Amino acid sequence: QVQVVESGGGLVQAGESLTLSCAASGRTFSDAMGWFRQAPGKAREVVAAISWSGRSIYYADSVKGRFTISRESANNTVYLQMNSLKAEDTAVYYCAVDTSGNYYYTVIEDEYDYWGQGTQVTVSS
């Protein structure tokens, strides 16, 4: 059974930084992984995604240049470094794992099989 655990959320001021961590256990090989977020009253959206190798990366336009996704080699641990945070980044952030063997990343929510419980990020302006 795959377990996905996020950590690192919190309350920060606009302009500050936070780093989220995600560890997915129960897998022998590295998988494509992604970070999503859901703000109150809005649909969940993809923030960033990374291939199993770490060589292919995707960022939503809204976070490009401010957020950095990275992963440890040979395991399913990923990070989301968030700089220059804005009030509109306030959301619950979810980590997800795609265990289909996808060579690249996916930005399609339904293609992720396992999800973490989410971690709250609140940015005050």
PDB file of N, CA and C in Angstrom:
ATOM      1  N   GLN A   1       0.843  -1.181   0.000  1.00  0.00           N
ATOM      2  CA  GLN A   1       0.000   0.000   0.000  1.00  0.00           C
ATOM      3  C   GLN A   1       0.890   1.247   0.000  1.00  0.00           C
ATOM      4  N   VAL A   2       0.571   2.172  -0.882  1.00  0.00           N
ATOM      5  CA  VAL A   2       1.342   3.409  -0.969  1.00  0.00           C
ATOM      6  C   VAL A   2       0.779   4.420   0.018  1.00  0.00           C
ATOM      7  N   GLN A   3       1.667   5.025   0.763  1.00  0.00           N
ATOM      8  CA  GLN A   3       1.273   6.100   1.676  1.00  0.00           C
ATOM      9  C   GLN A   3       1.990   7.371   1.274  1.00  0.00           C
ATOM     10  N   VAL A   4       1.239   8.459   1.234  1.00  0.00           N
ATOM     11  CA  VAL A   4       1.787   9.749   0.808  1.00  0.00           C
ATOM     12  C   VAL A   4       1.607  10.732   1.954  1.00  0.00           C
ATOM     13  N   VAL A   5       2.696  11.332   2.383  1.00  0.00           N
ATOM     14  CA  VAL A   5       2.646  12.242   3.527  1.00  0.00           C
ATOM     15  C   VAL A   5       3.324  13.548   3.167  1.00  0.00           C
ATOM     16  N   GLU A   6       2.557  14.637   3.288  1.00  0.00           N
ATOM     17  CA  GLU A   6       3.112  15.981   3.044  1.00  0.00           C
ATOM     18  C   GLU A   6       3.427  16.645   4.374  1.00  0.00           C
ATOM     19  N   SER A   7       4.347  17.595   4.319  1.00  0.00           N
ATOM     20  CA  SER A   7       4.657  18.400   5.500  1.00  0.00           C
ATOM     21  C   SER A   7       5.217  19.743   5.041  1.00  0.00           C
ATOM     22  N   GLY A   8       5.244  20.691   5.954  1.00  0.00           N
ATOM     23  CA  GLY A   8       5.888  21.962   5.676  1.00  0.00           C
ATOM     24  C   GLY A   8       4.969  23.144   5.502  1.00  0.00           C
ATOM     25  N   GLY A   9       3.665  22.921   5.543  1.00  0.00           N
ATOM     26  CA  GLY A   9       2.757  24.046   5.395  1.00  0.00           C
ATOM     27  C   GLY A   9       2.806  24.972   6.598  1.00  0.00           C
ATOM     28  N   GLY A  10       2.130  26.113   6.475  1.00  0.00           N
ATOM     29  CA  GLY A  10       2.101  27.041   7.588  1.00  0.00           C
ATOM     30  C   GLY A  10       1.566  28.397   7.185  1.00  0.00           C
ATOM     31  N   LEU A  11       1.732  29.343   8.096  1.00  0.00           N
ATOM     32  CA  LEU A  11       1.275  30.717   7.882  1.00  0.00           C
ATOM     33  C   LEU A  11       2.496  31.606   7.678  1.00  0.00           C
ATOM     34  N   VAL A  12       2.517  32.332   6.571  1.00  0.00           N
ATOM     35  CA  VAL A  12       3.622  33.244   6.283  1.00  0.00           C
ATOM     36  C   VAL A  12       3.068  34.566   5.779  1.00  0.00           C
ATOM     37  N   GLN A  13       3.943  35.559   5.751  1.00  0.00           N
ATOM     38  CA  GLN A  13       3.586  36.861   5.196  1.00  0.00           C
ATOM     39  C   GLN A  13       3.855  36.840   3.694  1.00  0.00           C
ATOM     40  N   ALA A  14       3.153  37.684   2.974  1.00  0.00           N
ATOM     41  CA  ALA A  14       3.397  37.824   1.543  1.00  0.00           C
ATOM     42  C   ALA A  14       4.863  38.184   1.307  1.00  0.00           C
ATOM     43  N   GLY A  15       5.450  37.545   0.300  1.00  0.00           N
ATOM     44  CA  GLY A  15       6.844  37.774  -0.018  1.00  0.00           C
ATOM     45  C   GLY A  15       7.797  36.787   0.621  1.00  0.00           C
ATOM     46  N   GLU A  16       7.314  36.046   1.602  1.00  0.00           N
ATOM     47  CA  GLU A  16       8.171  35.083   2.280  1.00  0.00           C
ATOM     48  C   GLU A  16       8.178  33.745   1.529  1.00  0.00           C
ATOM     49  N   SER A  17       8.912  32.789   2.096  1.00  0.00           N
ATOM     50  CA  SER A  17       9.097  31.493   1.445  1.00  0.00           C
ATOM     51  C   SER A  17       8.671  30.348   2.351  1.00  0.00           C
ATOM     52  N   LEU A  18       8.335  29.238   1.720  1.00  0.00           N
ATOM     53  CA  LEU A  18       8.040  27.985   2.418  1.00  0.00           C
ATOM     54  C   LEU A  18       8.503  26.843   1.540  1.00  0.00           C
ATOM     55  N   THR A  19       8.883  25.742   2.176  1.00  0.00           N
ATOM     56  CA  THR A  19       9.214  24.537   1.428  1.00  0.00           C
ATOM     57  C   THR A  19       8.320  23.403   1.901  1.00  0.00           C
ATOM     58  N   LEU A  20       7.614  22.807   0.969  1.00  0.00           N
ATOM     59  CA  LEU A  20       6.792  21.640   1.265  1.00  0.00           C
ATOM     60  C   LEU A  20       7.575  20.381   0.920  1.00  0.00           C
ATOM     61  N   SER A  21       7.364  19.347   1.717  1.00  0.00           N
ATOM     62  CA  SER A  21       7.995  18.050   1.465  1.00  0.00           C
ATOM     63  C   SER A  21       6.917  16.995   1.308  1.00  0.00           C
ATOM     64  N   CYS A  22       7.230  15.978   0.535  1.00  0.00           N
ATOM     65  CA  CYS A  22       6.291  14.877   0.321  1.00  0.00           C
ATOM     66  C   CYS A  22       7.078  13.581   0.228  1.00  0.00           C
ATOM     67  N   ALA A  23       6.694  12.618   1.023  1.00  0.00           N
ATOM     68  CA  ALA A  23       7.328  11.304   0.987  1.00  0.00           C
ATOM     69  C   ALA A  23       6.272  10.254   0.706  1.00  0.00           C
ATOM     70  N   ALA A  24       6.499   9.474  -0.336  1.00  0.00           N
ATOM     71  CA  ALA A  24       5.579   8.401  -0.703  1.00  0.00           C
ATOM     72  C   ALA A  24       6.278   7.067  -0.468  1.00  0.00           C
ATOM     73  N   SER A  25       5.757   6.289   0.448  1.00  0.00           N
ATOM     74  CA  SER A  25       6.370   5.000   0.778  1.00  0.00           C
ATOM     75  C   SER A  25       5.598   3.867   0.120  1.00  0.00           C
ATOM     76  N   GLY A  26       6.209   2.692   0.073  1.00  0.00           N
ATOM     77  CA  GLY A  26       5.528   1.524  -0.448  1.00  0.00           C
ATOM     78  C   GLY A  26       5.761   1.245  -1.916  1.00  0.00           C
ATOM     79  N   ARG A  27       6.731   1.968  -2.510  1.00  0.00           N
ATOM     80  CA  ARG A  27       7.029   1.762  -3.917  1.00  0.00           C
ATOM     81  C   ARG A  27       8.486   1.347  -4.089  1.00  0.00           C
ATOM     82  N   THR A  28       8.745   0.443  -5.034  1.00  0.00           N
ATOM     83  CA  THR A  28      10.106  -0.014  -5.294  1.00  0.00           C
ATOM     84  C   THR A  28      10.850   0.936  -6.219  1.00  0.00           C
ATOM     85  N   PHE A  29      10.101   1.524  -7.167  1.00  0.00           N
ATOM     86  CA  PHE A  29      10.722   2.391  -8.160  1.00  0.00           C
ATOM     87  C   PHE A  29      10.232   3.816  -8.007  1.00  0.00           C
ATOM     88  N   SER A  30      10.954   4.749  -8.632  1.00  0.00           N
ATOM     89  CA  SER A  30      10.525   6.142  -8.622  1.00  0.00           C
ATOM     90  C   SER A  30       9.347   6.328  -9.565  1.00  0.00           C
ATOM     91  N   ASP A  31       8.450   7.217  -9.186  1.00  0.00           N
ATOM     92  CA  ASP A  31       7.247   7.502  -9.965  1.00  0.00           C
ATOM     93  C   ASP A  31       7.165   8.980 -10.296  1.00  0.00           C
ATOM     94  N   ALA A  32       6.387   9.298 -11.323  1.00  0.00           N
ATOM     95  CA  ALA A  32       6.055  10.696 -11.575  1.00  0.00           C
ATOM     96  C   ALA A  32       5.208  11.197 -10.406  1.00  0.00           C
ATOM     97  N   MET A  33       5.465  12.432 -10.004  1.00  0.00           N
ATOM     98  CA  MET A  33       4.738  12.986  -8.859  1.00  0.00           C
ATOM     99  C   MET A  33       4.340  14.415  -9.148  1.00  0.00           C
ATOM    100  N   GLY A  34       3.359  14.877  -8.417  1.00  0.00           N
ATOM    101  CA  GLY A  34       2.877  16.230  -8.653  1.00  0.00           C
ATOM    102  C   GLY A  34       2.396  16.901  -7.391  1.00  0.00           C
ATOM    103  N   TRP A  35       2.368  18.228  -7.447  1.00  0.00           N
ATOM    104  CA  TRP A  35       1.776  19.038  -6.396  1.00  0.00           C
ATOM    105  C   TRP A  35       0.526  19.730  -6.962  1.00  0.00           C
ATOM    106  N   PHE A  36      -0.554  19.653  -6.210  1.00  0.00           N
ATOM    107  CA  PHE A  36      -1.798  20.314  -6.555  1.00  0.00           C
ATOM    108  C   PHE A  36      -2.178  21.218  -5.383  1.00  0.00           C
ATOM    109  N   ARG A  37      -3.108  22.115  -5.631  1.00  0.00           N
ATOM    110  CA  ARG A  37      -3.625  22.934  -4.541  1.00  0.00           C
ATOM    111  C   ARG A  37      -5.096  23.215  -4.761  1.00  0.00           C
ATOM    112  N   GLN A  38      -5.789  23.460  -3.643  1.00  0.00           N
ATOM    113  CA  GLN A  38      -7.196  23.798  -3.707  1.00  0.00           C
ATOM    114  C   GLN A  38      -7.473  24.930  -2.747  1.00  0.00           C
ATOM    115  N   ALA A  39      -7.889  26.054  -3.302  1.00  0.00           N
ATOM    116  CA  ALA A  39      -8.266  27.214  -2.497  1.00  0.00           C
ATOM    117  C   ALA A  39      -9.748  27.121  -2.171  1.00  0.00           C
ATOM    118  N   PRO A  40     -10.200  27.781  -1.117  1.00  0.00           N
ATOM    119  CA  PRO A  40     -11.616  27.731  -0.744  1.00  0.00           C
ATOM    120  C   PRO A  40     -12.521  28.160  -1.886  1.00  0.00           C
ATOM    121  N   GLY A  41     -13.515  27.324  -2.177  1.00  0.00           N
ATOM    122  CA  GLY A  41     -14.468  27.649  -3.219  1.00  0.00           C
ATOM    123  C   GLY A  41     -13.974  27.442  -4.633  1.00  0.00           C
ATOM    124  N   LYS A  42     -12.781  26.893  -4.782  1.00  0.00           N
ATOM    125  CA  LYS A  42     -12.224  26.692  -6.121  1.00  0.00           C
ATOM    126  C   LYS A  42     -11.904  25.223  -6.357  1.00  0.00           C
ATOM    127  N   ALA A  43     -11.781  24.872  -7.619  1.00  0.00           N
ATOM    128  CA  ALA A  43     -11.419  23.506  -7.972  1.00  0.00           C
ATOM    129  C   ALA A  43      -9.935  23.266  -7.694  1.00  0.00           C
ATOM    130  N   ARG A  44      -9.591  22.017  -7.480  1.00  0.00           N
ATOM    131  CA  ARG A  44      -8.179  21.680  -7.289  1.00  0.00           C
ATOM    132  C   ARG A  44      -7.449  21.885  -8.616  1.00  0.00           C
ATOM    133  N   GLU A  45      -6.229  22.415  -8.536  1.00  0.00           N
ATOM    134  CA  GLU A  45      -5.462  22.702  -9.742  1.00  0.00           C
ATOM    135  C   GLU A  45      -4.029  22.205  -9.577  1.00  0.00           C
ATOM    136  N   VAL A  46      -3.427  21.871 -10.706  1.00  0.00           N
ATOM    137  CA  VAL A  46      -2.040  21.436 -10.664  1.00  0.00           C
ATOM    138  C   VAL A  46      -1.141  22.644 -10.471  1.00  0.00           C
ATOM    139  N   VAL A  47      -0.125  22.481  -9.651  1.00  0.00           N
ATOM    140  CA  VAL A  47       0.859  23.535  -9.394  1.00  0.00           C
ATOM    141  C   VAL A  47       2.172  23.209 -10.100  1.00  0.00           C
ATOM    142  N   ALA A  48       2.641  21.984  -9.905  1.00  0.00           N
ATOM    143  CA  ALA A  48       3.904  21.557 -10.495  1.00  0.00           C
ATOM    144  C   ALA A  48       3.917  20.039 -10.570  1.00  0.00           C
ATOM    145  N   ALA A  49       4.683  19.515 -11.506  1.00  0.00           N
ATOM    146  CA  ALA A  49       4.792  18.062 -11.655  1.00  0.00           C
ATOM    147  C   ALA A  49       6.211  17.730 -12.101  1.00  0.00           C
ATOM    148  N   ILE A  50       6.630  16.509 -11.759  1.00  0.00           N
ATOM    149  CA  ILE A  50       8.000  16.106 -12.076  1.00  0.00           C
ATOM    150  C   ILE A  50       8.011  14.641 -12.492  1.00  0.00           C
ATOM    151  N   SER A  51       8.814  14.334 -13.505  1.00  0.00           N
ATOM    152  CA  SER A  51       8.902  12.958 -13.980  1.00  0.00           C
ATOM    153  C   SER A  51       9.657  12.092 -12.981  1.00  0.00           C
ATOM    154  N   TRP A  52       9.622  10.786 -13.210  1.00  0.00           N
ATOM    155  CA  TRP A  52      10.280   9.868 -12.286  1.00  0.00           C
ATOM    156  C   TRP A  52      11.777  10.145 -12.175  1.00  0.00           C
ATOM    157  N   SER A  53      12.375  10.615 -13.281  1.00  0.00           N
ATOM    158  CA  SER A  53      13.817  10.863 -13.287  1.00  0.00           C
ATOM    159  C   SER A  53      14.180  12.255 -12.780  1.00  0.00           C
ATOM    160  N   GLY A  54      13.181  13.135 -12.751  1.00  0.00           N
ATOM    161  CA  GLY A  54      13.448  14.519 -12.373  1.00  0.00           C
ATOM    162  C   GLY A  54      13.865  15.382 -13.539  1.00  0.00           C
ATOM    163  N   ARG A  55      13.972  14.800 -14.725  1.00  0.00           N
ATOM    164  CA  ARG A  55      14.475  15.559 -15.880  1.00  0.00           C
ATOM    165  C   ARG A  55      13.383  16.388 -16.544  1.00  0.00           C
ATOM    166  N   SER A  56      12.139  15.977 -16.373  1.00  0.00           N
ATOM    167  CA  SER A  56      11.024  16.717 -16.975  1.00  0.00           C
ATOM    168  C   SER A  56      10.186  17.332 -15.876  1.00  0.00           C
ATOM    169  N   ILE A  57       9.928  18.630 -16.024  1.00  0.00           N
ATOM    170  CA  ILE A  57       9.225  19.375 -14.979  1.00  0.00           C
ATOM    171  C   ILE A  57       8.192  20.292 -15.616  1.00  0.00           C
ATOM    172  N   TYR A  58       7.094  20.434 -14.914  1.00  0.00           N
ATOM    173  CA  TYR A  58       6.013  21.330 -15.345  1.00  0.00           C
ATOM    174  C   TYR A  58       5.691  22.292 -14.212  1.00  0.00           C
ATOM    175  N   TYR A  59       5.396  23.549 -14.590  1.00  0.00           N
ATOM    176  CA  TYR A  59       4.892  24.537 -13.640  1.00  0.00           C
ATOM    177  C   TYR A  59       3.662  25.210 -14.231  1.00  0.00           C
ATOM    178  N   ALA A  60       2.670  25.432 -13.386  1.00  0.00           N
ATOM    179  CA  ALA A  60       1.549  26.265 -13.784  1.00  0.00           C
ATOM    180  C   ALA A  60       2.062  27.694 -14.001  1.00  0.00           C
ATOM    181  N   ASP A  61       1.432  28.396 -14.913  1.00  0.00           N
ATOM    182  CA  ASP A  61       1.860  29.764 -15.209  1.00  0.00           C
ATOM    183  C   ASP A  61       1.845  30.649 -13.967  1.00  0.00           C
ATOM    184  N   SER A  62       0.908  30.392 -13.089  1.00  0.00           N
ATOM    185  CA  SER A  62       0.736  31.238 -11.911  1.00  0.00           C
ATOM    186  C   SER A  62       1.898  31.140 -10.921  1.00  0.00           C
ATOM    187  N   VAL A  63       2.698  30.082 -11.023  1.00  0.00           N
ATOM    188  CA  VAL A  63       3.800  29.906 -10.065  1.00  0.00           C
ATOM    189  C   VAL A  63       5.158  29.885 -10.737  1.00  0.00           C
ATOM    190  N   LYS A  64       5.169  29.942 -12.046  1.00  0.00           N
ATOM    191  CA  LYS A  64       6.431  29.876 -12.796  1.00  0.00           C
ATOM    192  C   LYS A  64       7.349  31.019 -12.360  1.00  0.00           C
ATOM    193  N   GLY A  65       8.596  30.673 -12.081  1.00  0.00           N
ATOM    194  CA  GLY A  65       9.561  31.677 -11.643  1.00  0.00           C
ATOM    195  C   GLY A  65       9.583  31.895 -10.143  1.00  0.00           C
ATOM    196  N   ARG A  66       8.591  31.386  -9.433  1.00  0.00           N
ATOM    197  CA  ARG A  66       8.528  31.558  -7.971  1.00  0.00           C
ATOM    198  C   ARG A  66       8.654  30.226  -7.232  1.00  0.00           C
ATOM    199  N   PHE A  67       8.110  29.154  -7.808  1.00  0.00           N
ATOM    200  CA  PHE A  67       8.122  27.836  -7.185  1.00  0.00           C
ATOM    201  C   PHE A  67       9.115  26.934  -7.906  1.00  0.00           C
ATOM    202  N   THR A  68       9.712  26.021  -7.148  1.00  0.00           N
ATOM    203  CA  THR A  68      10.637  25.042  -7.711  1.00  0.00           C
ATOM    204  C   THR A  68      10.299  23.664  -7.161  1.00  0.00           C
ATOM    205  N   ILE A  69      10.050  22.727  -8.064  1.00  0.00           N
ATOM    206  CA  ILE A  69       9.824  21.340  -7.651  1.00  0.00           C
ATOM    207  C   ILE A  69      11.126  20.573  -7.848  1.00  0.00           C
ATOM    208  N   SER A  70      11.433  19.693  -6.930  1.00  0.00           N
ATOM    209  CA  SER A  70      12.635  18.870  -7.047  1.00  0.00           C
ATOM    210  C   SER A  70      12.362  17.536  -6.377  1.00  0.00           C
ATOM    211  N   ARG A  71      13.244  16.597  -6.602  1.00  0.00           N
ATOM    212  CA  ARG A  71      13.059  15.288  -5.985  1.00  0.00           C
ATOM    213  C   ARG A  71      14.413  14.682  -5.651  1.00  0.00           C
ATOM    214  N   GLU A  72      14.395  13.782  -4.702  1.00  0.00           N
ATOM    215  CA  GLU A  72      15.585  13.010  -4.390  1.00  0.00           C
ATOM    216  C   GLU A  72      15.684  11.894  -5.421  1.00  0.00           C
ATOM    217  N   SER A  73      16.915  11.557  -5.787  1.00  0.00           N
ATOM    218  CA  SER A  73      17.097  10.508  -6.786  1.00  0.00           C
ATOM    219  C   SER A  73      16.740   9.159  -6.172  1.00  0.00           C
ATOM    220  N   ALA A  74      16.179   8.303  -6.980  1.00  0.00           N
ATOM    221  CA  ALA A  74      15.925   6.906  -6.630  1.00  0.00           C
ATOM    222  C   ALA A  74      14.896   6.690  -5.524  1.00  0.00           C
ATOM    223  N   ASN A  75      14.120   7.716  -5.200  1.00  0.00           N
ATOM    224  CA  ASN A  75      13.009   7.438  -4.296  1.00  0.00           C
ATOM    225  C   ASN A  75      11.888   8.424  -4.564  1.00  0.00           C
ATOM    226  N   ASN A  76      10.815   8.251  -3.869  1.00  0.00           N
ATOM    227  CA  ASN A  76       9.628   9.086  -4.083  1.00  0.00           C
ATOM    228  C   ASN A  76       9.509  10.155  -3.008  1.00  0.00           C
ATOM    229  N   THR A  77      10.524  11.002  -2.951  1.00  0.00           N
ATOM    230  CA  THR A  77      10.472  12.170  -2.084  1.00  0.00           C
ATOM    231  C   THR A  77      10.619  13.404  -2.958  1.00  0.00           C
ATOM    232  N   VAL A  78       9.650  14.285  -2.870  1.00  0.00           N
ATOM    233  CA  VAL A  78       9.681  15.507  -3.664  1.00  0.00           C
ATOM    234  C   VAL A  78       9.503  16.716  -2.762  1.00  0.00           C
ATOM    235  N   TYR A  79       9.975  17.841  -3.268  1.00  0.00           N
ATOM    236  CA  TYR A  79       9.893  19.094  -2.537  1.00  0.00           C
ATOM    237  C   TYR A  79       9.258  20.158  -3.423  1.00  0.00           C
ATOM    238  N   LEU A  80       8.644  21.125  -2.785  1.00  0.00           N
ATOM    239  CA  LEU A  80       8.137  22.286  -3.497  1.00  0.00           C
ATOM    240  C   LEU A  80       8.638  23.524  -2.748  1.00  0.00           C
ATOM    241  N   GLN A  81       9.650  24.165  -3.328  1.00  0.00           N
ATOM    242  CA  GLN A  81      10.178  25.399  -2.766  1.00  0.00           C
ATOM    243  C   GLN A  81       9.327  26.543  -3.292  1.00  0.00           C
ATOM    244  N   MET A  82       8.717  27.276  -2.376  1.00  0.00           N
ATOM    245  CA  MET A  82       7.807  28.357  -2.771  1.00  0.00           C
ATOM    246  C   MET A  82       8.376  29.688  -2.289  1.00  0.00           C
ATOM    247  N   ASN A  83       8.755  30.533  -3.236  1.00  0.00           N
ATOM    248  CA  ASN A  83       9.306  31.847  -2.921  1.00  0.00           C
ATOM    249  C   ASN A  83       8.327  32.944  -3.333  1.00  0.00           C
ATOM    250  N   SER A  84       8.549  34.127  -2.804  1.00  0.00           N
ATOM    251  CA  SER A  84       7.721  35.290  -3.153  1.00  0.00           C
ATOM    252  C   SER A  84       6.238  34.959  -3.087  1.00  0.00           C
ATOM    253  N   LEU A  85       5.845  34.374  -1.984  1.00  0.00           N
ATOM    254  CA  LEU A  85       4.457  33.929  -1.842  1.00  0.00           C
ATOM    255  C   LEU A  85       3.491  35.099  -1.867  1.00  0.00           C
ATOM    256  N   LYS A  86       2.324  34.840  -2.448  1.00  0.00           N
ATOM    257  CA  LYS A  86       1.276  35.837  -2.567  1.00  0.00           C
ATOM    258  C   LYS A  86       0.034  35.341  -1.840  1.00  0.00           C
ATOM    259  N   ALA A  87      -0.856  36.259  -1.530  1.00  0.00           N
ATOM    260  CA  ALA A  87      -2.098  35.877  -0.855  1.00  0.00           C
ATOM    261  C   ALA A  87      -2.871  34.853  -1.674  1.00  0.00           C
ATOM    262  N   GLU A  88      -2.796  34.978  -2.978  1.00  0.00           N
ATOM    263  CA  GLU A  88      -3.531  34.040  -3.846  1.00  0.00           C
ATOM    264  C   GLU A  88      -2.924  32.640  -3.882  1.00  0.00           C
ATOM    265  N   ASP A  89      -1.790  32.445  -3.242  1.00  0.00           N
ATOM    266  CA  ASP A  89      -1.217  31.102  -3.108  1.00  0.00           C
ATOM    267  C   ASP A  89      -1.829  30.344  -1.925  1.00  0.00           C
ATOM    268  N   THR A  90      -2.645  31.027  -1.148  1.00  0.00           N
ATOM    269  CA  THR A  90      -3.298  30.389  -0.006  1.00  0.00           C
ATOM    270  C   THR A  90      -4.184  29.251  -0.477  1.00  0.00           C
ATOM    271  N   ALA A  91      -3.939  28.057   0.049  1.00  0.00           N
ATOM    272  CA  ALA A  91      -4.683  26.867  -0.369  1.00  0.00           C
ATOM    273  C   ALA A  91      -4.215  25.679   0.456  1.00  0.00           C
ATOM    274  N   VAL A  92      -4.941  24.579   0.303  1.00  0.00           N
ATOM    275  CA  VAL A  92      -4.446  23.306   0.791  1.00  0.00           C
ATOM    276  C   VAL A  92      -3.642  22.688  -0.351  1.00  0.00           C
ATOM    277  N   TYR A  93      -2.418  22.303  -0.052  1.00  0.00           N
ATOM    278  CA  TYR A  93      -1.522  21.738  -1.051  1.00  0.00           C
ATOM    279  C   TYR A  93      -1.473  20.226  -0.889  1.00  0.00           C
ATOM    280  N   TYR A  94      -1.636  19.529  -2.009  1.00  0.00           N
ATOM    281  CA  TYR A  94      -1.653  18.074  -2.028  1.00  0.00           C
ATOM    282  C   TYR A  94      -0.515  17.543  -2.884  1.00  0.00           C
ATOM    283  N   CYS A  95       0.077  16.462  -2.415  1.00  0.00           N
ATOM    284  CA  CYS A  95       1.073  15.735  -3.189  1.00  0.00           C
ATOM    285  C   CYS A  95       0.410  14.481  -3.748  1.00  0.00           C
ATOM    286  N   ALA A  96       0.773  14.115  -4.967  1.00  0.00           N
ATOM    287  CA  ALA A  96       0.153  12.955  -5.598  1.00  0.00           C
ATOM    288  C   ALA A  96       1.202  12.134  -6.344  1.00  0.00           C
ATOM    289  N   VAL A  97       0.919  10.844  -6.477  1.00  0.00           N
ATOM    290  CA  VAL A  97       1.835   9.900  -7.110  1.00  0.00           C
ATOM    291  C   VAL A  97       1.137   9.197  -8.273  1.00  0.00           C
ATOM    292  N   ASP A  98       1.808   9.148  -9.400  1.00  0.00           N
ATOM    293  CA  ASP A  98       1.312   8.436 -10.575  1.00  0.00           C
ATOM    294  C   ASP A  98       2.091   7.133 -10.702  1.00  0.00           C
ATOM    295  N   THR A  99       1.460   6.004 -10.382  1.00  0.00           N
ATOM    296  CA  THR A  99       2.155   4.718 -10.362  1.00  0.00           C
ATOM    297  C   THR A  99       2.003   3.938 -11.660  1.00  0.00           C
ATOM    298  N   SER A 100       1.561   4.609 -12.738  1.00  0.00           N
ATOM    299  CA  SER A 100       1.314   3.905 -13.995  1.00  0.00           C
ATOM    300  C   SER A 100       2.590   3.597 -14.770  1.00  0.00           C
ATOM    301  N   GLY A 101       3.722   4.123 -14.316  1.00  0.00           N
ATOM    302  CA  GLY A 101       4.953   3.926 -15.065  1.00  0.00           C
ATOM    303  C   GLY A 101       5.166   4.972 -16.138  1.00  0.00           C
ATOM    304  N   ASN A 102       4.410   6.062 -16.047  1.00  0.00           N
ATOM    305  CA  ASN A 102       4.527   7.175 -16.976  1.00  0.00           C
ATOM    306  C   ASN A 102       5.980   7.661 -17.053  1.00  0.00           C
ATOM    307  N   TYR A 103       6.520   7.755 -18.263  1.00  0.00           N
ATOM    308  CA  TYR A 103       7.922   8.174 -18.418  1.00  0.00           C
ATOM    309  C   TYR A 103       8.093   9.650 -18.073  1.00  0.00           C
ATOM    310  N   TYR A 104       7.076  10.433 -18.429  1.00  0.00           N
ATOM    311  CA  TYR A 104       7.122  11.859 -18.136  1.00  0.00           C
ATOM    312  C   TYR A 104       6.181  12.175 -16.978  1.00  0.00           C
ATOM    313  N   TYR A 105       5.924  13.459 -16.730  1.00  0.00           N
ATOM    314  CA  TYR A 105       4.963  13.856 -15.724  1.00  0.00           C
ATOM    315  C   TYR A 105       3.588  13.912 -16.366  1.00  0.00           C
ATOM    316  N   THR A 106       2.574  14.010 -15.545  1.00  0.00           N
ATOM    317  CA  THR A 106       1.233  14.272 -16.037  1.00  0.00           C
ATOM    318  C   THR A 106       0.642  15.429 -15.231  1.00  0.00           C
ATOM    319  N   VAL A 107      -0.209  16.223 -15.886  1.00  0.00           N
ATOM    320  CA  VAL A 107      -0.897  17.314 -15.196  1.00  0.00           C
ATOM    321  C   VAL A 107      -2.376  16.993 -15.017  1.00  0.00           C
ATOM    322  N   ILE A 108      -2.740  15.750 -15.378  1.00  0.00           N
ATOM    323  CA  ILE A 108      -4.140  15.334 -15.299  1.00  0.00           C
ATOM    324  C   ILE A 108      -4.385  14.703 -13.941  1.00  0.00           C
ATOM    325  N   GLU A 109      -5.263  15.324 -13.194  1.00  0.00           N
ATOM    326  CA  GLU A 109      -5.518  14.893 -11.822  1.00  0.00           C
ATOM    327  C   GLU A 109      -5.931  13.422 -11.746  1.00  0.00           C
ATOM    328  N   ASP A 110      -6.763  12.975 -12.675  1.00  0.00           N
ATOM    329  CA  ASP A 110      -7.288  11.604 -12.626  1.00  0.00           C
ATOM    330  C   ASP A 110      -6.220  10.549 -12.882  1.00  0.00           C
ATOM    331  N   GLU A 111      -5.066  10.955 -13.381  1.00  0.00           N
ATOM    332  CA  GLU A 111      -3.997   9.989 -13.663  1.00  0.00           C
ATOM    333  C   GLU A 111      -3.114   9.735 -12.445  1.00  0.00           C
ATOM    334  N   TYR A 112      -3.375  10.442 -11.371  1.00  0.00           N
ATOM    335  CA  TYR A 112      -2.652  10.192 -10.134  1.00  0.00           C
ATOM    336  C   TYR A 112      -3.425   9.194  -9.277  1.00  0.00           C
ATOM    337  N   ASP A 113      -2.713   8.204  -8.755  1.00  0.00           N
ATOM    338  CA  ASP A 113      -3.374   7.116  -8.047  1.00  0.00           C
ATOM    339  C   ASP A 113      -3.446   7.324  -6.539  1.00  0.00           C
ATOM    340  N   TYR A 114      -2.431   7.964  -5.996  1.00  0.00           N
ATOM    341  CA  TYR A 114      -2.359   8.094  -4.544  1.00  0.00           C
ATOM    342  C   TYR A 114      -2.135   9.563  -4.184  1.00  0.00           C
ATOM    343  N   TRP A 115      -2.817   9.976  -3.111  1.00  0.00           N
ATOM    344  CA  TRP A 115      -2.792  11.365  -2.685  1.00  0.00           C
ATOM    345  C   TRP A 115      -2.484  11.451  -1.203  1.00  0.00           C
ATOM    346  N   GLY A 116      -1.821  12.543  -0.852  1.00  0.00           N
ATOM    347  CA  GLY A 116      -1.625  12.830   0.559  1.00  0.00           C
ATOM    348  C   GLY A 116      -2.864  13.492   1.139  1.00  0.00           C
ATOM    349  N   GLN A 117      -2.791  13.757   2.425  1.00  0.00           N
ATOM    350  CA  GLN A 117      -3.936  14.330   3.127  1.00  0.00           C
ATOM    351  C   GLN A 117      -4.018  15.836   2.957  1.00  0.00           C
ATOM    352  N   GLY A 118      -2.953  16.430   2.452  1.00  0.00           N
ATOM    353  CA  GLY A 118      -2.937  17.867   2.223  1.00  0.00           C
ATOM    354  C   GLY A 118      -2.294  18.621   3.371  1.00  0.00           C
ATOM    355  N   THR A 119      -1.686  19.749   3.038  1.00  0.00           N
ATOM    356  CA  THR A 119      -1.090  20.616   4.050  1.00  0.00           C
ATOM    357  C   THR A 119      -1.503  22.059   3.734  1.00  0.00           C
ATOM    358  N   GLN A 120      -1.919  22.778   4.756  1.00  0.00           N
ATOM    359  CA  GLN A 120      -2.446  24.134   4.574  1.00  0.00           C
ATOM    360  C   GLN A 120      -1.306  25.142   4.441  1.00  0.00           C
ATOM    361  N   VAL A 121      -1.407  25.975   3.417  1.00  0.00           N
ATOM    362  CA  VAL A 121      -0.497  27.112   3.256  1.00  0.00           C
ATOM    363  C   VAL A 121      -1.351  28.370   3.270  1.00  0.00           C
ATOM    364  N   THR A 122      -1.060  29.255   4.191  1.00  0.00           N
ATOM    365  CA  THR A 122      -1.795  30.507   4.306  1.00  0.00           C
ATOM    366  C   THR A 122      -0.815  31.657   4.192  1.00  0.00           C
ATOM    367  N   VAL A 123      -1.094  32.555   3.245  1.00  0.00           N
ATOM    368  CA  VAL A 123      -0.225  33.713   3.019  1.00  0.00           C
ATOM    369  C   VAL A 123      -1.022  34.965   3.347  1.00  0.00           C
ATOM    370  N   SER A 124      -0.562  35.691   4.336  1.00  0.00           N
ATOM    371  CA  SER A 124      -1.265  36.914   4.726  1.00  0.00           C
ATOM    372  C   SER A 124      -0.649  38.104   4.000  1.00  0.00           C
ATOM    373  N   SER A 125      -1.513  39.004   3.593  1.00  0.00           N
ATOM    374  CA  SER A 125      -1.031  40.170   2.823  1.00  0.00           C
ATOM    375  C   SER A 125      -0.887  41.392   3.717  1.00  0.00           C
TER     376      SER A 125
END
